[in-house]
């Protein structure tokens, strides 16, 4: 079954694109499992979200640890089930949130031991655009990585990590329907 990953900065459009893809698959009569990380339906994802909204180095480490456990939880529970497609929003590139050089070591470890997706999409946007979208969302509960300086660092690290694999890097500032077309056309060429 095809395993698809959609990743990128906060507010890059990952979830929007994942939902668009699931609507397309549903219209084609396909079954799918969509997992958005950190997820709110289990202890690990809930703790990751909690620590993302607190400050300090220990919260940074805890958010990364619980995020990784949340992804592992999703793999263990859902990867073996019978679906036509599995779609994860955030997967390997969550390691970009770790401090250097741990980020690259964790990325290499995860890409070695975790299931390998058939398609990897990185939706790239400028940090200032991401920050504007975060502000427009109107959610007052900022996460620790949603400040302009942090978004800049994560974007650089995310692009570096994406260059290590077979990621399709998509300009996320394009209209939503153009990004949809790029993703759908990439899947159709398989």
Protein backbone atom coordinates (compact mmCIF):
# COMPACT_ATOMS: atom_id res chain seq x y z
CA UNK A 1 0.00 0.00 0.00
CA UNK A 2 1.35 3.47 -0.79
CA UNK A 3 2.70 5.33 2.22
CA UNK A 4 2.72 9.11 1.71
CA UNK A 5 4.28 11.78 3.92
CA UNK A 6 3.50 15.49 3.78
CA UNK A 7 5.82 17.70 5.81
CA UNK A 8 6.90 21.32 6.13
CA UNK A 9 6.94 24.29 8.48
CA UNK A 10 4.01 25.10 10.71
CA UNK A 11 1.32 26.82 8.58
CA UNK A 12 2.87 25.59 5.32
CA UNK A 13 -0.36 23.90 4.25
CA UNK A 14 0.49 20.30 5.17
CA UNK A 15 -2.85 19.47 6.73
CA UNK A 16 -4.80 21.32 4.04
CA UNK A 17 -3.05 19.25 1.37
CA UNK A 18 -3.54 16.01 3.31
CA UNK A 19 -7.29 16.65 3.58
CA UNK A 20 -7.45 17.54 -0.10
CA UNK A 21 -5.72 14.27 -0.95
CA UNK A 22 -8.08 12.25 1.25
CA UNK A 23 -11.11 13.86 -0.47
CA UNK A 24 -9.67 12.83 -3.84
CA UNK A 25 -8.98 9.28 -2.67
CA UNK A 26 -12.46 9.02 -1.16
CA UNK A 27 -14.03 10.17 -4.45
CA UNK A 28 -12.11 7.36 -6.17
CA UNK A 29 -13.43 4.78 -3.69
CA UNK A 30 -10.01 4.30 -2.07
CA UNK A 31 -9.50 3.61 1.61
CA UNK A 32 -6.93 5.56 3.59
CA UNK A 33 -5.55 6.23 7.02
CA UNK A 34 -4.62 9.84 7.77
CA UNK A 35 -2.41 10.54 10.78
CA UNK A 36 -1.53 14.13 11.70
CA UNK A 37 1.35 14.49 14.17
CA UNK A 38 1.37 15.37 16.91
CA UNK A 39 -2.03 13.71 17.18
CA UNK A 40 -4.55 14.44 19.88
CA UNK A 41 -6.01 10.95 20.16
CA UNK A 42 -3.32 9.39 22.33
CA UNK A 43 -1.15 10.16 25.34
CA UNK A 44 2.07 10.71 23.37
CA UNK A 45 0.61 13.19 20.90
CA UNK A 46 -1.24 15.08 23.65
CA UNK A 47 1.96 15.39 25.69
CA UNK A 48 3.91 16.55 22.63
CA UNK A 49 1.31 19.30 22.03
CA UNK A 50 1.45 20.28 25.69
CA UNK A 51 5.23 20.64 25.72
CA UNK A 52 5.19 22.56 22.44
CA UNK A 53 3.24 25.28 24.23
CA UNK A 54 5.58 25.54 27.22
CA UNK A 55 9.01 27.13 27.43
CA UNK A 56 12.48 25.90 28.27
CA UNK A 57 15.04 23.39 27.13
CA UNK A 58 13.40 20.55 29.02
CA UNK A 59 10.11 21.27 27.21
CA UNK A 60 11.99 21.34 23.88
CA UNK A 61 13.44 17.90 24.59
CA UNK A 62 10.13 16.56 25.96
CA UNK A 63 8.15 17.78 22.95
CA UNK A 64 10.59 16.05 20.57
CA UNK A 65 10.56 12.83 22.59
CA UNK A 66 6.77 12.65 22.79
CA UNK A 67 6.48 13.58 19.09
CA UNK A 68 8.72 10.63 18.18
CA UNK A 69 6.71 8.33 20.44
CA UNK A 70 3.50 9.59 18.81
CA UNK A 71 4.86 8.75 15.33
CA UNK A 72 5.96 5.30 16.53
CA UNK A 73 2.50 4.80 18.05
CA UNK A 74 0.92 5.59 14.66
CA UNK A 75 3.25 3.20 12.86
CA UNK A 76 2.55 0.36 15.29
CA UNK A 77 -1.22 0.84 15.26
CA UNK A 78 -1.94 1.73 11.66
CA UNK A 79 0.81 0.62 9.27
CA UNK A 80 -0.22 -3.02 9.25
CA UNK A 81 -3.94 -2.41 8.63
CA UNK A 82 -5.50 -2.92 5.25
CA UNK A 83 -5.77 0.49 3.55
CA UNK A 84 -5.19 1.58 -0.01
CA UNK A 85 -3.11 4.53 1.27
CA UNK A 86 -1.50 5.66 4.51
CA UNK A 87 -0.87 9.39 4.80
CA UNK A 88 1.22 10.91 7.58
CA UNK A 89 1.46 14.64 8.17
CA UNK A 90 4.93 14.99 9.70
CA UNK A 91 7.23 12.01 9.92
CA UNK A 92 11.02 12.09 9.45
CA UNK A 93 11.40 15.87 9.31
CA UNK A 94 10.19 16.23 12.88
CA UNK A 95 13.85 15.61 13.62
CA UNK A 96 14.57 19.16 12.34
CA UNK A 97 13.19 20.40 15.66
CA UNK A 98 16.04 18.70 17.53
CA UNK A 99 19.25 20.60 18.27
CA UNK A 100 22.20 20.12 15.90
CA UNK A 101 23.89 17.67 15.36
CA UNK A 102 21.29 15.40 16.97
CA UNK A 103 18.82 16.35 14.20
CA UNK A 104 20.87 14.69 11.43
CA UNK A 105 21.72 11.65 13.55
CA UNK A 106 18.04 11.14 14.42
CA UNK A 107 17.03 11.62 10.77
CA UNK A 108 19.51 8.96 9.63
CA UNK A 109 18.40 6.62 12.42
CA UNK A 110 14.71 7.02 11.60
CA UNK A 111 15.17 6.69 7.84
CA UNK A 112 17.06 3.46 8.50
CA UNK A 113 14.71 1.76 10.96
CA UNK A 114 11.22 3.15 10.24
CA UNK A 115 9.02 2.15 7.29
CA UNK A 116 10.02 4.02 4.15
CA UNK A 117 7.32 6.09 2.46
CA UNK A 118 6.85 5.81 -1.29
CA UNK A 119 6.26 9.56 -1.60
CA UNK A 120 7.78 12.34 0.50
CA UNK A 121 6.47 15.88 0.04
CA UNK A 122 8.08 18.89 1.73
CA UNK A 123 5.92 22.01 1.41
CA UNK A 124 8.37 24.89 1.64
CA UNK A 125 7.37 28.42 2.60
CA UNK A 126 9.32 31.42 3.79
CA UNK A 127 9.33 31.83 7.58
CA UNK A 128 7.72 35.27 7.35
CA UNK A 129 4.82 33.81 5.34
CA UNK A 130 4.46 30.98 7.86
CA UNK A 131 4.40 33.50 10.71
CA UNK A 132 1.74 35.63 8.96
CA UNK A 133 -0.42 32.54 8.51
CA UNK A 134 0.04 31.59 12.16
CA UNK A 135 -1.08 35.09 13.21
CA UNK A 136 -4.06 34.95 10.81
CA UNK A 137 -5.14 31.66 12.37
CA UNK A 138 -5.99 33.65 15.46
CA UNK A 139 -4.83 30.95 17.86
CA UNK A 140 -3.30 32.67 20.87
CA UNK A 141 -1.53 29.50 22.03
CA UNK A 142 1.77 29.85 20.16
CA UNK A 143 4.03 26.85 20.07
CA UNK A 144 7.72 27.25 20.89
CA UNK A 145 8.73 26.85 17.24
CA UNK A 146 6.22 29.34 15.82
CA UNK A 147 8.29 32.48 16.32
CA UNK A 148 10.07 34.02 13.28
CA UNK A 149 13.61 33.10 14.44
CA UNK A 150 12.61 29.51 15.19
CA UNK A 151 10.75 29.16 11.88
CA UNK A 152 13.87 30.34 10.04
CA UNK A 153 16.09 27.77 11.79
CA UNK A 154 13.61 24.93 11.26
CA UNK A 155 13.19 25.79 7.58
CA UNK A 156 16.96 25.68 6.99
CA UNK A 157 17.32 22.39 8.86
CA UNK A 158 14.22 20.92 7.19
CA UNK A 159 15.53 21.73 3.72
CA UNK A 160 18.94 20.27 4.61
CA UNK A 161 17.34 17.05 5.81
CA UNK A 162 14.99 16.90 2.81
CA UNK A 163 18.04 17.11 0.53
CA UNK A 164 19.30 13.87 2.09
CA UNK A 165 16.32 11.89 0.86
CA UNK A 166 13.99 11.62 -2.08
CA UNK A 167 11.74 14.47 -1.04
CA UNK A 168 9.75 16.42 -3.58
CA UNK A 169 10.11 20.03 -2.39
CA UNK A 170 7.04 22.06 -3.32
CA UNK A 171 6.80 25.84 -3.16
CA UNK A 172 3.99 26.25 -0.63
CA UNK A 173 3.33 29.90 -1.42
CA UNK A 174 1.69 28.89 -4.68
CA UNK A 175 -2.12 28.81 -4.74
CA UNK A 176 -3.54 25.82 -2.84
CA UNK A 177 -4.93 24.23 -6.02
CA UNK A 178 -1.48 24.36 -7.71
CA UNK A 179 0.12 22.57 -4.75
CA UNK A 180 -2.73 20.02 -4.89
CA UNK A 181 -2.03 19.42 -8.59
CA UNK A 182 1.68 18.88 -7.99
CA UNK A 183 0.99 16.30 -5.30
CA UNK A 184 -1.75 14.54 -7.30
CA UNK A 185 0.31 14.49 -10.50
CA UNK A 186 3.26 13.03 -8.60
CA UNK A 187 1.07 10.23 -7.28
CA UNK A 188 -0.39 9.52 -10.72
CA UNK A 189 3.06 9.02 -12.25
CA UNK A 190 3.64 5.99 -10.06
